[in-house]
Amino acid sequence: MRPSHGTASGVERLRRHLPLSGWVGVVAWLGTRSVMALVLATLCLYVREDVGYYAVQLQSVPMLRSHGLGGTLVEYPVPAVWLLEALRVPAGASSAVYVYAFALLMVLLDTFCCWALWTHHSRLGALLWIGFTFCIGPLLWFRIDLVPAVCVLVAAHQRSRRPVLSGAAVGLGAAMKLWPALLVLPLLGADRAGRRRGLGLVGLGGALGALSWLAEGWTRSVSPLGWQNGRGLQVESVWATPLMAARLVSDGWHVRLSRYNAYEVFGPGVPTLVRLASGSMLVVVGLGLVLCWLIGFGGAGLPGHRLSAALAPERRRDRDRALLLGLVAMICAVIVADKTFSPQYMIWLAGPFAVLSSAQWRSGDRRHGAVLVVMTLCCAALTQLIFPLNYSALVTATDPGVAVSALLVARNALMCVLAGHSAALALSGAWRLGRPAPAHLPSSTQPDDEEPHA
């Protein structure tokens, strides 16, 4: 019996029926990237400064070295520094050339992601990637965070087809920026794919960790953890929001560039908020463990839950959607809970956000999915308005900008709502997996290895 599409959402009808030629993707990419380049050239050339900082730091390390990295870029994991160091081969000793080489690499990664989504996933997903990264702006090309974001995209896309590759991508992402290691929790499971994803993570992540330890020693290998632990309350973080708002009407708080190369807020209540932020990361880990239990193990042990029900073939679509929502929820939770919220963190959401476009939603959840898309795009756009377009008014020592402070409050409030909304969707979907399906529930008509294309 042919399934009816009468209840399909507008987004699903667009994905299934709208003819999108390759030229649509090319024009969308070129158009948005041209605008981003124009914004860079006219409004915010200073976003390149971080890459210039990489170049200057690496100049102190000989190309053919015998004594390790030492104190070079201790805030980054060793494999990430190796990648940054590799760019010195084409760049030579010139910091300016190094900046261009870095940007070119990021442009190529961005182009590859658009092409891969368009040809191997869904055209709607590619357009969402283009639109989301356009909202981020030219910062996309001048931060290493695009590399772990691409790793998360690979992990999300290959979660079922090539689970070992999916886990290995998470391991590589964790080697670049640490935080993706938390994403393995929703990806683990009792089924074959869940076990293989865990194997991929342990295999590549463990190998890179061991290589880092052997090459640079234990102290340098764990230095990013110490760096992060020592940082204060960054001005853009969710936890700093009440203080940044209070700063508009009181001079009790001040902002300055800390020794961690970030603008932080100082004043009454900061130590307490830093401790709360550190404690909230335990909540993030708890969320990951609950999602792992419900998605990967069907909530086994809970009344009315069975692992066999969660792994039933007719639950494949529901399980797949819950897993993708779990990835989005975990990333949002990390961003909200952290005592730092650098603008490039928003790049992390690009991959699972694009892959989620192909998820098969229940009729009652489609509106929630649309809300998720709109909120994510709004958070990305607000982030660009804050940094780099109006950042100087936010971090000025005196007379902070009211408009940009209001944007910060709005973005962080919306980010909290997005985190709560995505977590609620992920948990509600995961909760249903282990419960026996009603007798009238139709089975999936789509093979496990097939994904819809626009």
Protein backbone atom coordinates (compact mmCIF):
# COMPACT_ATOMS: atom_id res chain seq x y z
CA MET A 1 0.00 0.00 0.00
CA ARG A 2 1.43 3.37 -1.00
CA PRO A 3 1.86 5.70 1.99
CA SER A 4 -0.11 8.91 1.97
CA HIS A 5 1.65 12.27 2.03
CA GLY A 6 -1.43 14.20 3.01
CA THR A 7 -0.15 14.86 6.50
CA ALA A 8 3.35 15.88 5.46
CA SER A 9 4.55 19.20 6.73
CA GLY A 10 5.40 22.07 4.44
CA VAL A 11 9.09 21.48 5.04
CA GLU A 12 8.78 17.81 4.09
CA ARG A 13 6.78 18.65 0.94
CA LEU A 14 9.50 21.13 0.01
CA ARG A 15 12.17 18.53 0.59
CA ARG A 16 10.39 15.85 -1.45
CA HIS A 17 8.97 17.76 -4.37
CA LEU A 18 10.80 21.05 -4.98
CA PRO A 19 13.17 20.63 -7.94
CA LEU A 20 16.48 22.16 -6.95
CA SER A 21 19.12 22.10 -9.63
CA GLY A 22 22.78 22.26 -8.82
CA TRP A 23 22.87 25.88 -9.91
CA VAL A 24 20.61 26.80 -7.00
CA GLY A 25 23.22 25.58 -4.55
CA VAL A 26 26.08 27.25 -6.46
CA VAL A 27 24.27 30.59 -6.60
CA ALA A 28 23.26 30.37 -2.92
CA TRP A 29 26.82 29.59 -1.84
CA LEU A 30 28.47 32.22 -4.03
CA GLY A 31 25.91 34.88 -3.13
CA THR A 32 26.13 34.40 0.63
CA ARG A 33 29.91 34.03 0.63
CA SER A 34 30.29 37.20 -1.44
CA VAL A 35 28.26 39.12 1.13
CA MET A 36 30.33 37.59 3.94
CA ALA A 37 33.54 38.66 2.18
CA LEU A 38 32.14 42.18 1.76
CA VAL A 39 31.25 42.37 5.45
CA LEU A 40 34.75 41.17 6.30
CA ALA A 41 36.47 43.73 4.08
CA THR A 42 34.38 46.71 5.15
CA LEU A 43 33.34 46.11 8.75
CA CYS A 44 35.39 43.56 10.64
CA LEU A 45 38.85 42.81 9.34
CA TYR A 46 39.93 42.34 12.94
CA VAL A 47 38.30 38.89 13.07
CA ARG A 48 41.59 37.71 11.50
CA GLU A 49 43.53 38.54 14.65
CA ASP A 50 43.17 35.09 16.21
CA VAL A 51 44.80 33.49 13.18
CA GLY A 52 47.56 36.08 13.32
CA TYR A 53 48.02 35.09 16.95
CA TYR A 54 48.44 31.45 15.87
CA ALA A 55 51.13 32.49 13.41
CA VAL A 56 53.05 34.57 15.92
CA GLN A 57 52.93 31.84 18.55
CA LEU A 58 54.10 29.18 16.12
CA GLN A 59 57.05 31.29 14.97
CA SER A 60 58.69 30.48 18.31
CA VAL A 61 58.62 26.76 17.45
CA PRO A 62 61.22 25.60 14.89
CA MET A 63 59.78 23.77 11.90
CA LEU A 64 62.12 20.84 12.58
CA ARG A 65 61.93 20.77 16.35
CA SER A 66 63.36 18.31 18.85
CA HIS A 67 62.06 19.69 22.15
CA GLY A 68 58.29 19.61 21.62
CA LEU A 69 55.73 22.39 21.57
CA GLY A 70 56.55 23.56 25.08
CA GLY A 71 54.37 26.53 26.03
CA THR A 72 53.09 27.20 22.51
CA LEU A 73 49.29 27.50 22.24
CA VAL A 74 48.76 25.56 25.45
CA GLU A 75 45.03 26.36 25.28
CA TYR A 76 44.64 24.02 22.29
CA PRO A 77 44.97 20.23 22.20
CA VAL A 78 48.21 18.97 20.67
CA PRO A 79 46.61 17.55 17.47
CA ALA A 80 45.00 20.94 16.82
CA VAL A 81 48.39 22.64 17.13
CA TRP A 82 49.85 20.08 14.74
CA LEU A 83 47.20 21.08 12.20
CA LEU A 84 47.92 24.76 12.73
CA GLU A 85 51.64 24.08 12.43
CA ALA A 86 51.17 22.18 9.16
CA LEU A 87 49.86 25.38 7.56
CA ARG A 88 53.28 26.93 8.01
CA VAL A 89 54.61 24.74 5.20
CA PRO A 90 52.78 26.67 2.45
CA ALA A 91 52.81 29.95 4.40
CA GLY A 92 56.49 30.08 5.25
CA ALA A 93 57.58 32.75 7.71
CA SER A 94 54.98 35.33 6.70
CA SER A 95 52.15 35.87 9.19
CA ALA A 96 50.01 37.52 6.50
CA VAL A 97 50.38 34.53 4.17
CA TYR A 98 49.59 32.23 7.09
CA VAL A 99 46.30 34.05 7.68
CA TYR A 100 45.34 33.65 4.02
CA ALA A 101 46.33 29.98 4.02
CA PHE A 102 44.19 29.36 7.10
CA ALA A 103 41.21 31.16 5.59
CA LEU A 104 41.60 29.24 2.33
CA LEU A 105 41.54 25.94 4.22
CA MET A 106 38.34 26.97 6.01
CA VAL A 107 36.73 28.09 2.74
CA LEU A 108 37.57 24.72 1.22
CA LEU A 109 36.07 22.90 4.22
CA ASP A 110 32.92 25.02 3.99
CA THR A 111 32.65 24.30 0.25
CA PHE A 112 33.18 20.58 0.80
CA CYS A 113 30.42 20.46 3.43
CA CYS A 114 27.96 22.22 1.12
CA TRP A 115 28.81 19.89 -1.76
CA ALA A 116 28.65 16.75 0.41
CA LEU A 117 25.29 17.69 1.89
CA TRP A 118 23.87 18.58 -1.53
CA THR A 119 25.00 15.40 -3.25
CA HIS A 120 24.97 12.81 -0.46
CA HIS A 121 22.37 13.93 2.07
CA SER A 122 19.66 16.42 1.16
CA ARG A 123 19.56 19.66 -0.77
CA LEU A 124 17.50 21.27 1.95
CA GLY A 125 20.22 20.33 4.42
CA ALA A 126 22.83 21.99 2.20
CA LEU A 127 20.75 25.16 2.00
CA LEU A 128 20.34 25.17 5.78
CA TRP A 129 24.11 24.84 6.17
CA ILE A 130 24.59 27.76 3.77
CA GLY A 131 21.97 29.87 5.55
CA PHE A 132 23.16 29.07 9.05
CA THR A 133 26.83 29.75 8.34
CA PHE A 134 25.82 32.95 6.52
CA CYS A 135 24.19 34.07 9.77
CA ILE A 136 27.48 33.36 11.56
CA GLY A 137 29.33 35.58 9.07
CA PRO A 138 33.02 35.80 8.09
CA LEU A 139 34.07 34.56 11.52
CA LEU A 140 33.46 31.11 10.00
CA TRP A 141 36.73 31.36 8.04
CA PHE A 142 38.98 32.56 10.86
CA ARG A 143 38.40 30.08 13.69
CA ILE A 144 39.57 26.49 14.01
CA ASP A 145 36.13 25.57 15.37
CA LEU A 146 34.98 24.82 11.83
CA VAL A 147 37.18 21.69 11.91
CA PRO A 148 35.41 19.99 14.86
CA ALA A 149 32.09 21.23 13.40
CA VAL A 150 32.86 19.33 10.20
CA CYS A 151 33.76 16.28 12.30
CA VAL A 152 30.36 16.48 14.01
CA LEU A 153 28.68 16.81 10.60
CA VAL A 154 30.41 13.62 9.44
CA ALA A 155 29.45 11.85 12.68
CA ALA A 156 25.80 12.85 12.32
CA HIS A 157 25.58 11.94 8.64
CA GLN A 158 27.37 8.59 8.93
CA ARG A 159 25.72 7.56 12.23
CA SER A 160 23.96 4.56 10.65
CA ARG A 161 25.68 3.93 7.34
CA ARG A 162 29.25 3.87 8.63
CA PRO A 163 29.07 3.88 12.44
CA VAL A 164 32.82 3.29 12.90
CA LEU A 165 33.52 6.39 10.81
CA SER A 166 30.90 8.29 12.81
CA GLY A 167 32.61 7.47 16.09
CA ALA A 168 36.05 8.16 14.65
CA ALA A 169 34.84 11.60 13.50
CA VAL A 170 33.77 12.38 17.07
CA GLY A 171 37.18 11.24 18.27
CA LEU A 172 38.94 13.50 15.78
CA GLY A 173 36.70 16.41 16.77
CA ALA A 174 37.53 15.84 20.43
CA ALA A 175 41.22 15.82 19.57
CA MET A 176 40.74 19.25 17.98
CA LYS A 177 38.59 20.97 20.64
CA LEU A 178 37.78 18.47 23.48
CA TRP A 179 34.03 19.23 23.78
CA PRO A 180 32.87 16.78 21.03
CA ALA A 181 33.85 13.92 23.34
CA LEU A 182 30.55 14.50 25.18
CA LEU A 183 28.62 13.81 21.96
CA VAL A 184 29.54 10.14 22.06
CA LEU A 185 26.99 9.61 24.86
CA PRO A 186 23.86 9.86 22.65
CA LEU A 187 25.71 7.88 19.95
CA LEU A 188 26.45 4.84 22.11
CA GLY A 189 24.03 1.94 22.32
CA ALA A 190 23.46 -1.76 22.71
CA ASP A 191 22.82 -2.27 19.01
CA ARG A 192 25.59 -3.01 16.51
CA ALA A 193 25.77 0.59 15.25
CA GLY A 194 26.05 1.98 18.79
CA ARG A 195 28.87 -0.40 19.66
CA ARG A 196 30.73 0.39 16.45
CA ARG A 197 30.42 4.14 17.01
CA GLY A 198 32.00 3.66 20.42
CA LEU A 199 34.75 1.55 18.85
CA GLY A 200 35.50 4.27 16.30
CA LEU A 201 35.73 6.93 19.00
CA VAL A 202 38.02 4.88 21.24
CA GLY A 203 40.15 3.80 18.29
CA LEU A 204 40.97 7.14 16.69
CA GLY A 205 40.52 9.31 19.77
CA GLY A 206 42.66 6.98 21.85
CA ALA A 207 45.34 6.78 19.17
CA LEU A 208 45.58 10.58 18.89
CA GLY A 209 45.65 10.91 22.67
CA ALA A 210 48.43 8.35 22.97
CA LEU A 211 50.40 9.99 20.16
CA SER A 212 50.02 13.36 21.85
CA TRP A 213 51.26 11.95 25.16
CA LEU A 214 54.23 10.21 23.56
CA ALA A 215 55.23 13.26 21.51
CA GLU A 216 54.58 16.08 23.98
CA GLY A 217 54.22 14.51 27.42
CA TRP A 218 51.37 14.40 29.89
CA THR A 219 51.58 18.01 31.09
CA ARG A 220 51.25 19.49 27.61
CA SER A 221 48.59 16.97 26.60
CA VAL A 222 46.24 18.04 29.42
CA SER A 223 47.14 21.73 29.37
CA PRO A 224 43.89 22.74 27.59
CA LEU A 225 41.93 21.42 30.58
CA GLY A 226 43.97 23.52 32.98
CA TRP A 227 43.62 26.56 30.73
CA GLN A 228 39.85 26.19 30.57
CA ASN A 229 39.58 25.58 34.32
CA GLY A 230 41.51 28.74 35.12
CA ARG A 231 39.45 31.04 32.93
CA GLY A 232 37.03 33.54 34.41
CA LEU A 233 33.56 34.66 33.36
CA GLN A 234 33.65 35.62 29.70
CA VAL A 235 31.41 38.58 28.84
CA GLU A 236 29.31 36.72 26.26
CA SER A 237 28.55 33.70 28.42
CA VAL A 238 25.05 33.00 29.61
CA TRP A 239 26.24 33.15 33.22
CA ALA A 240 27.64 36.66 32.74
CA THR A 241 24.38 38.00 31.28
CA PRO A 242 22.89 39.46 34.51
CA LEU A 243 26.18 41.20 35.31
CA MET A 244 26.51 42.61 31.79
CA ALA A 245 22.96 43.96 32.09
CA ALA A 246 23.62 45.39 35.56
CA ARG A 247 26.76 47.05 34.21
CA LEU A 248 24.51 49.42 32.24
CA VAL A 249 23.26 51.04 35.44
CA SER A 250 26.13 50.47 37.86
CA ASP A 251 29.90 50.81 37.81
CA GLY A 252 30.32 47.88 40.21
CA TRP A 253 31.44 45.63 37.36
CA HIS A 254 34.11 46.21 34.77
CA VAL A 255 35.33 44.41 31.67
CA ARG A 256 38.92 43.88 30.60
CA LEU A 257 41.06 41.59 28.50
CA SER A 258 42.32 38.80 30.74
CA ARG A 259 45.50 36.80 30.46
CA TYR A 260 43.41 34.15 28.72
CA ASN A 261 43.09 36.41 25.66
CA ALA A 262 39.38 36.95 26.29
CA TYR A 263 37.26 39.77 27.60
CA GLU A 264 35.98 38.83 31.04
CA VAL A 265 33.75 40.58 33.56
CA PHE A 266 35.04 41.32 37.06
CA GLY A 267 33.18 42.41 40.17
CA PRO A 268 30.77 41.21 42.90
CA GLY A 269 29.24 37.79 42.36
CA VAL A 270 31.66 36.65 39.67
CA PRO A 271 33.31 33.85 41.73
CA THR A 272 29.88 32.46 42.65
CA LEU A 273 28.74 32.45 39.03
CA VAL A 274 31.96 30.77 37.94
CA ARG A 275 31.37 27.98 40.47
CA LEU A 276 27.77 27.60 39.30
CA ALA A 277 28.92 27.40 35.71
CA SER A 278 31.45 24.71 36.57
CA GLY A 279 28.80 22.77 38.49
CA SER A 280 26.32 23.04 35.63
CA MET A 281 28.64 21.00 33.43
CA LEU A 282 27.71 18.04 35.62
CA VAL A 283 24.12 18.60 34.50
CA VAL A 284 25.29 18.43 30.88
CA VAL A 285 27.03 15.12 31.54
CA GLY A 286 23.88 13.90 33.28
CA LEU A 287 21.79 14.85 30.24
CA GLY A 288 24.16 12.88 28.03
CA LEU A 289 23.96 9.82 30.26
CA VAL A 290 20.15 9.92 30.31
CA LEU A 291 20.01 10.24 26.52
CA CYS A 292 22.45 7.35 26.21
CA TRP A 293 20.29 5.21 28.49
CA LEU A 294 17.02 6.05 26.74
CA ILE A 295 18.23 6.04 23.12
CA GLY A 296 20.99 3.45 23.18
CA PHE A 297 19.52 1.09 25.76
CA GLY A 298 15.79 1.79 25.53
CA GLY A 299 15.56 2.94 29.14
CA ALA A 300 15.98 -0.67 30.25
CA GLY A 301 15.03 -0.98 33.90
CA LEU A 302 12.36 1.71 33.79
CA PRO A 303 8.75 0.55 34.19
CA GLY A 304 7.20 -0.18 30.82
CA HIS A 305 10.48 0.14 28.91
CA ARG A 306 12.23 -2.62 26.99
CA LEU A 307 15.39 -2.60 24.92
CA SER A 308 13.73 -4.80 22.30
CA ALA A 309 11.05 -2.15 21.78
CA ALA A 310 13.65 0.59 21.23
CA LEU A 311 15.53 -1.55 18.69
CA ALA A 312 12.43 -2.68 16.80
CA PRO A 313 12.57 -1.96 13.03
CA GLU A 314 9.43 0.19 13.17
CA ARG A 315 11.16 2.49 15.63
CA ARG A 316 14.13 3.20 13.34
CA ARG A 317 12.93 6.64 12.29
CA ASP A 318 12.01 7.62 15.84
CA ARG A 319 15.37 6.40 17.13
CA ASP A 320 17.23 8.23 14.40
CA ARG A 321 15.41 11.49 15.07
CA ALA A 322 15.96 11.21 18.83
CA LEU A 323 19.67 10.66 18.25
CA LEU A 324 20.00 13.79 16.08
CA LEU A 325 17.98 15.84 18.55
CA GLY A 326 20.23 14.49 21.28
CA LEU A 327 23.30 15.83 19.47
CA VAL A 328 21.69 19.27 19.09
CA ALA A 329 20.60 19.25 22.73
CA MET A 330 24.07 18.31 23.98
CA ILE A 331 25.79 21.04 21.96
CA CYS A 332 23.28 23.66 23.13
CA ALA A 333 23.68 22.48 26.73
CA VAL A 334 27.48 22.75 26.54
CA ILE A 335 27.24 26.29 25.16
CA VAL A 336 24.73 27.42 27.78
CA ALA A 337 26.50 25.79 30.73
CA ASP A 338 30.03 26.93 29.91
CA LYS A 339 31.51 29.99 31.61
CA THR A 340 32.75 31.03 28.18
CA PHE A 341 30.62 31.57 25.09
CA SER A 342 32.93 32.58 22.29
CA PRO A 343 30.93 33.44 19.16
CA GLN A 344 32.56 30.66 17.15
CA TYR A 345 30.87 28.11 19.41
CA MET A 346 27.71 28.61 17.37
CA ILE A 347 29.49 27.00 14.41
CA TRP A 348 29.27 23.69 16.29
CA LEU A 349 25.52 23.51 15.60
CA ALA A 350 25.83 23.74 11.81
CA GLY A 351 26.34 20.02 11.16
CA PRO A 352 23.57 18.35 13.19
CA PHE A 353 21.27 21.25 12.34
CA ALA A 354 21.70 20.53 8.60
CA VAL A 355 21.42 16.74 8.99
CA LEU A 356 18.29 17.08 11.11
CA SER A 357 16.54 18.56 8.05
CA SER A 358 16.02 15.03 6.70
CA ALA A 359 14.55 13.61 9.91
CA GLN A 360 11.07 12.11 9.68
CA TRP A 361 8.95 13.98 12.24
CA ARG A 362 5.82 12.73 13.94
CA SER A 363 2.79 14.80 12.98
CA GLY A 364 2.56 16.27 16.48
CA ASP A 365 6.24 17.26 16.55
CA ARG A 366 6.58 19.00 13.18
CA ARG A 367 5.72 22.42 14.55
CA HIS A 368 8.37 21.97 17.25
CA GLY A 369 10.92 21.11 14.59
CA ALA A 370 10.10 24.29 12.67
CA VAL A 371 10.47 26.33 15.86
CA LEU A 372 13.87 24.70 16.43
CA VAL A 373 15.03 25.78 12.96
CA VAL A 374 13.87 29.40 13.43
CA MET A 375 15.40 29.75 16.90
CA THR A 376 18.74 28.35 15.76
CA LEU A 377 18.96 30.75 12.82
CA CYS A 378 18.01 33.67 15.06
CA CYS A 379 20.68 32.77 17.62
CA ALA A 380 23.29 32.61 14.86
CA ALA A 381 22.25 35.98 13.41
CA LEU A 382 22.22 37.66 16.82
CA THR A 383 25.68 36.26 17.49
CA GLN A 384 27.07 37.98 14.40
CA LEU A 385 25.41 41.26 15.39
CA ILE A 386 27.20 41.04 18.74
CA PHE A 387 30.54 39.82 17.40
CA PRO A 388 32.09 41.12 15.31
CA LEU A 389 29.74 43.90 14.23
CA ASN A 390 29.18 45.64 17.59
CA TYR A 391 31.72 44.08 19.91
CA SER A 392 33.72 47.19 20.72
CA ALA A 393 30.63 48.84 22.26
CA LEU A 394 30.07 45.75 24.44
CA VAL A 395 33.57 45.51 25.91
CA THR A 396 34.38 49.19 26.27
CA ALA A 397 35.80 50.06 29.67
CA THR A 398 33.25 52.85 30.21
CA ASP A 399 29.76 53.62 28.94
CA PRO A 400 28.86 50.18 27.50
CA GLY A 401 26.48 50.17 24.55
CA VAL A 402 22.83 49.73 25.51
CA ALA A 403 21.80 48.31 22.12
CA VAL A 404 24.50 45.63 21.95
CA SER A 405 23.95 44.75 25.61
CA ALA A 406 20.27 44.25 24.81
CA LEU A 407 21.26 42.04 21.86
CA LEU A 408 23.44 39.98 24.19
CA VAL A 409 20.63 39.51 26.69
CA ALA A 410 18.22 38.55 23.88
CA ARG A 411 20.66 36.10 22.29
CA ASN A 412 21.49 34.39 25.58
CA ALA A 413 17.85 34.19 26.62
CA LEU A 414 16.96 32.68 23.25
CA MET A 415 19.90 30.30 23.54
CA CYS A 416 18.55 29.07 26.89
CA VAL A 417 15.13 28.53 25.32
CA LEU A 418 16.75 26.70 22.39
CA ALA A 419 18.69 24.45 24.77
CA GLY A 420 15.57 23.69 26.79
CA HIS A 421 13.43 23.13 23.69
CA SER A 422 15.93 20.79 22.03
CA ALA A 423 16.49 18.88 25.28
CA ALA A 424 12.75 18.48 25.79
CA LEU A 425 12.29 17.22 22.23
CA ALA A 426 15.22 14.83 22.56
CA LEU A 427 14.12 13.46 25.93
CA SER A 428 10.47 13.09 24.96
CA GLY A 429 11.40 11.29 21.76
CA ALA A 430 13.94 9.12 23.58
CA TRP A 431 11.43 8.29 26.32
CA ARG A 432 8.98 6.85 23.79
CA LEU A 433 11.56 4.54 22.21
CA GLY A 434 11.62 1.88 24.91
CA ARG A 435 7.86 1.73 25.39
CA PRO A 436 5.98 -0.96 23.43
CA ALA A 437 4.44 0.40 20.24
CA PRO A 438 0.64 0.44 19.88
CA ALA A 439 -0.67 -2.37 17.74
CA HIS A 440 -1.83 0.06 15.04
CA LEU A 441 1.58 1.75 14.62
CA PRO A 442 2.64 1.36 10.98
CA SER A 443 6.06 -0.02 10.25
CA SER A 444 8.71 1.99 8.44
CA THR A 445 8.54 1.83 4.66
CA GLN A 446 12.00 3.31 4.18
CA PRO A 447 15.08 1.07 4.21
CA ASP A 448 17.64 1.63 6.94
CA ASP A 449 20.34 2.76 4.55
CA GLU A 450 18.21 5.28 2.66
CA GLU A 451 17.82 8.96 3.39
CA PRO A 452 15.43 11.31 1.60
CA HIS A 453 16.77 13.89 -0.83
CA ALA A 454 15.25 17.17 -1.83
